Protein backbone atom coordinates (compact mmCIF):
# COMPACT_ATOMS: atom_id res chain seq x y z
CA UNK A 1 -13.67 -6.79 -23.97
CA UNK A 2 -11.86 -6.83 -20.62
CA UNK A 3 -11.46 -10.21 -18.95
CA UNK A 4 -12.35 -10.78 -15.29
CA UNK A 5 -9.73 -12.58 -13.23
CA UNK A 6 -9.23 -13.48 -9.59
CA UNK A 7 -6.19 -11.64 -8.20
CA UNK A 8 -3.50 -13.29 -6.11
CA UNK A 9 -4.13 -12.72 -2.40
CA UNK A 10 -1.32 -12.99 0.17
CA UNK A 11 -1.88 -13.13 3.90
CA UNK A 12 -0.06 -13.27 7.21
CA UNK A 13 -1.17 -12.66 10.78
CA UNK A 14 -0.26 -11.64 14.32
CA UNK A 15 -2.11 -12.40 17.54
CA UNK A 16 -2.34 -10.94 21.03
CA UNK A 17 -4.74 -11.34 23.94
CA UNK A 18 -3.83 -7.93 25.36
CA UNK A 19 -2.75 -5.52 22.60
CA UNK A 20 -5.28 -4.90 19.79
CA UNK A 21 -2.53 -3.31 17.67
CA UNK A 22 -0.74 -6.68 17.57
CA UNK A 23 -3.83 -8.70 16.78
CA UNK A 24 -4.39 -8.43 13.04
CA UNK A 25 -4.48 -9.99 9.58
CA UNK A 26 -2.04 -8.65 6.96
CA UNK A 27 -3.74 -8.94 3.57
CA UNK A 28 -2.28 -8.03 0.16
CA UNK A 29 -4.30 -8.12 -3.06
CA UNK A 30 -1.97 -8.06 -6.07
CA UNK A 31 -3.61 -5.82 -8.66
CA UNK A 32 -0.99 -3.97 -10.79
CA UNK A 33 -1.90 -0.76 -12.62
CA UNK A 34 -5.29 -0.34 -10.97
CA UNK A 35 -5.87 3.33 -10.05
CA UNK A 36 -7.88 4.26 -6.99
CA UNK A 37 -10.70 5.61 -9.14
CA UNK A 38 -11.22 2.08 -10.55
CA UNK A 39 -11.42 0.32 -7.19
CA UNK A 40 -14.43 -0.75 -5.17
CA UNK A 41 -13.76 -2.33 -1.80
CA UNK A 42 -16.47 -3.35 0.64
CA UNK A 43 -15.07 -4.43 4.01
CA UNK A 44 -17.43 -6.02 6.52
CA UNK A 45 -16.77 -7.75 9.86
CA UNK A 46 -17.27 -11.15 8.23
CA UNK A 47 -15.46 -10.60 4.91
CA UNK A 48 -14.65 -8.33 2.01
CA UNK A 49 -15.45 -7.88 -1.66
CA UNK A 50 -12.87 -6.30 -3.98
CA UNK A 51 -13.30 -5.20 -7.60
CA UNK A 52 -10.68 -3.26 -9.54
CA UNK A 53 -10.10 -2.50 -13.21
CA UNK A 54 -6.78 -1.94 -15.00
CA UNK A 55 -7.17 0.13 -18.17
CA UNK A 56 -3.61 -0.61 -19.30
CA UNK A 57 -3.84 -4.38 -18.80
CA UNK A 58 -7.52 -4.48 -19.85
CA UNK A 59 -8.34 -6.68 -16.85
CA UNK A 60 -11.01 -6.56 -14.19
CA UNK A 61 -10.01 -8.12 -10.87
CA UNK A 62 -12.68 -9.49 -8.56
CA UNK A 63 -12.47 -11.47 -5.35
CA UNK A 64 -14.78 -12.19 -2.41
CA UNK A 65 -13.45 -13.44 0.91
CA UNK A 66 -15.41 -14.75 3.90
CA UNK A 67 -13.15 -14.66 6.95
CA UNK A 68 -12.63 -17.45 9.48
CA UNK A 69 -13.63 -15.05 12.27
CA UNK A 70 -14.75 -11.45 12.54
CA UNK A 71 -12.58 -8.35 12.06
CA UNK A 72 -13.14 -4.73 13.08
CA UNK A 73 -13.35 -2.68 9.85
CA UNK A 74 -13.31 0.68 11.67
CA UNK A 75 -9.94 -0.12 13.30
CA UNK A 76 -8.41 -1.53 10.10
CA UNK A 77 -5.98 0.30 7.79
CA UNK A 78 -5.22 0.34 4.07
CA UNK A 79 -2.42 1.31 1.66
CA UNK A 80 -2.76 1.47 -2.12
CA UNK A 81 0.28 1.32 -4.43
CA UNK A 82 0.84 0.93 -8.17
CA UNK A 83 1.18 -2.83 -7.62
CA UNK A 84 -1.31 -3.82 -4.94
CA UNK A 85 -3.75 -2.99 -2.17
CA UNK A 86 -2.44 -3.79 1.31
CA UNK A 87 -4.67 -4.04 4.36
CA UNK A 88 -4.09 -4.41 8.07
CA UNK A 89 -7.34 -5.95 9.29
CA UNK A 90 -7.85 -5.83 13.05
CA UNK A 91 -9.12 -9.12 14.49
CA UNK A 92 -12.21 -8.50 16.58
CA UNK A 93 -11.43 -11.06 19.29
CA UNK A 94 -8.27 -10.69 21.35
CA UNK A 95 -6.67 -14.11 21.57
CA UNK A 96 -3.18 -15.57 21.73
CA UNK A 97 -4.01 -18.28 19.21
CA UNK A 98 -3.56 -17.76 15.49
CA UNK A 99 -6.48 -18.29 13.17
CA UNK A 100 -6.01 -21.79 11.72
CA UNK A 101 -6.76 -20.32 8.27
CA UNK A 102 -7.89 -17.03 6.72
CA UNK A 103 -11.21 -18.16 5.29
CA UNK A 104 -14.29 -19.70 6.85
CA UNK A 105 -14.20 -22.59 4.39
CA UNK A 106 -11.33 -25.01 4.81
CA UNK A 107 -10.99 -25.92 1.14
CA UNK A 108 -7.84 -24.73 -0.63
CA UNK A 109 -8.16 -21.66 -2.85
CA UNK A 110 -5.72 -21.48 -5.77
CA UNK A 111 -5.39 -17.67 -5.53
CA UNK A 112 -4.73 -17.53 -1.77
CA UNK A 113 -1.14 -17.87 -0.57
CA UNK A 114 0.81 -17.37 2.63
CA UNK A 115 2.85 -14.16 2.64
CA UNK A 116 6.14 -15.66 3.79
CA UNK A 117 7.85 -12.24 3.78
CA UNK A 118 5.56 -11.17 6.62
CA UNK A 119 4.69 -14.46 8.26
CA UNK A 120 5.99 -15.13 11.76
CA UNK A 121 5.36 -18.32 13.71
CA UNK A 122 2.97 -17.95 16.59
CA UNK A 123 5.61 -18.63 19.25
CA UNK A 124 8.14 -16.22 17.69
CA UNK A 125 6.01 -13.09 17.56
CA UNK A 126 7.80 -11.32 20.40
CA UNK A 127 11.15 -11.66 18.66
CA UNK A 128 9.81 -10.50 15.29
CA UNK A 129 10.50 -7.01 13.97
CA UNK A 130 7.65 -4.54 14.14
CA UNK A 131 5.97 -3.99 10.78
CA UNK A 132 6.08 -0.46 9.40
CA UNK A 133 2.50 0.73 8.88
CA UNK A 134 3.38 4.42 8.56
CA UNK A 135 2.19 4.43 4.94
CA UNK A 136 -1.20 3.06 5.89
CA UNK A 137 -4.27 5.24 6.32
CA UNK A 138 -7.63 4.57 7.92
CA UNK A 139 -10.45 2.87 6.08
CA UNK A 140 -12.33 6.17 6.20
CA UNK A 141 -16.07 5.73 6.39
CA UNK A 142 -15.84 2.70 4.13
CA UNK A 143 -17.96 0.21 6.07
CA UNK A 144 -21.60 1.26 6.22
CA UNK A 145 -21.15 4.45 4.23
CA UNK A 146 -24.86 4.68 3.57
CA UNK A 147 -25.61 5.22 -0.09
CA UNK A 148 -21.93 5.12 -1.08
CA UNK A 149 -21.98 1.33 -1.14
CA UNK A 150 -18.80 1.06 0.91
CA UNK A 151 -16.40 1.79 -1.93
CA UNK A 152 -13.16 3.77 -2.07
CA UNK A 153 -15.01 7.08 -2.48
CA UNK A 154 -14.41 8.12 1.12
CA UNK A 155 -10.65 7.59 1.15
CA UNK A 156 -8.10 10.28 0.36
CA UNK A 157 -5.36 8.37 -1.46
CA UNK A 158 -3.00 11.35 -1.28
CA UNK A 159 -2.54 10.40 2.38
CA UNK A 160 -2.09 6.68 1.81
CA UNK A 161 1.53 6.46 0.74
CA UNK A 162 2.12 5.92 -2.95
CA UNK A 163 -1.28 7.29 -3.94
CA UNK A 164 -3.46 6.43 -6.87
CA UNK A 165 -1.30 4.25 -9.06
CA UNK A 166 1.68 6.57 -9.04
CA UNK A 167 5.12 4.99 -9.00
CA UNK A 168 6.94 5.27 -5.74
CA UNK A 169 10.06 7.33 -5.28
CA UNK A 170 11.15 10.93 -5.69
CA UNK A 171 13.07 10.53 -8.90
CA UNK A 172 11.22 13.35 -10.58
CA UNK A 173 12.15 15.90 -7.95
CA UNK A 174 15.59 17.35 -8.40
CA UNK A 175 17.36 19.37 -5.76
CA UNK A 176 18.65 22.84 -6.50
CA UNK A 177 22.19 21.46 -6.53
CA UNK A 178 21.45 19.49 -9.68
CA UNK A 179 19.86 22.34 -11.59
CA UNK A 180 21.86 23.65 -14.58
CA UNK A 181 23.13 27.24 -14.15
CA UNK A 182 21.07 29.97 -15.72
CA UNK A 183 22.28 31.97 -18.69
CA UNK A 184 24.77 34.56 -17.53
CA UNK A 185 25.75 32.51 -14.49
CA UNK A 186 27.91 30.30 -16.68
CA UNK A 187 29.79 33.31 -17.98
CA UNK A 188 30.34 34.66 -14.46
CA UNK A 189 31.60 31.25 -13.33
CA UNK A 190 33.95 31.07 -16.32
CA UNK A 191 35.41 34.49 -15.48
CA UNK A 192 36.01 33.47 -11.89
CA UNK A 193 37.79 30.28 -12.93
CA UNK A 194 39.96 31.92 -15.64
CA UNK A 195 43.68 32.15 -14.72
CA UNK A 196 44.92 35.66 -13.87
CA UNK A 197 48.10 37.28 -15.11
CA UNK A 198 50.43 39.06 -12.63
CA UNK A 199 48.86 42.43 -13.39
CA UNK A 200 45.42 41.11 -12.44
CA UNK A 201 44.08 40.94 -15.98
CA UNK A 202 42.64 37.74 -17.44
CA UNK A 203 44.95 35.74 -19.68
CA UNK A 204 43.53 35.60 -23.21
């Protein structure tokens, strides 16, 4: 029987009192080998609930988060890879100040960690490099999808970067330059490369 575990959750943030695009929470839920078809994600203004199942690892991941303040689910973005689910959650209120913490409750959660790869101090945001969100797609109709229960059913993962649990990279695609020559072409190439005698005939 599959065990249920709480996945590791990483977070970082940016803030702005003028630009909504720079006022967000960066959230990563580490859930390796969980295909899109096995994921349910319900994102609300006050929090989210995530459940995902890995057939290969025989694990079910489940986590519920209640945010410190409200987000705007319709303006948020998501990217699913073979290793995790990444989200850019738009903060509802435009403010220069960082959230003091991610969750409403102040007690420490063992699964929640700061994403130091993406964290920037509040007073150094202007000097920080822009994050690349080109792989991220919209949340679709996820929040308030009526009878759909707000799961991943409304999201087309083919447009969200790595797609449903597929490894990243184009290793499987070979260019024409790397293709082996067809039968007959090898013989033609051999004839062209063969040394010629003075009378124009091929040397045996």
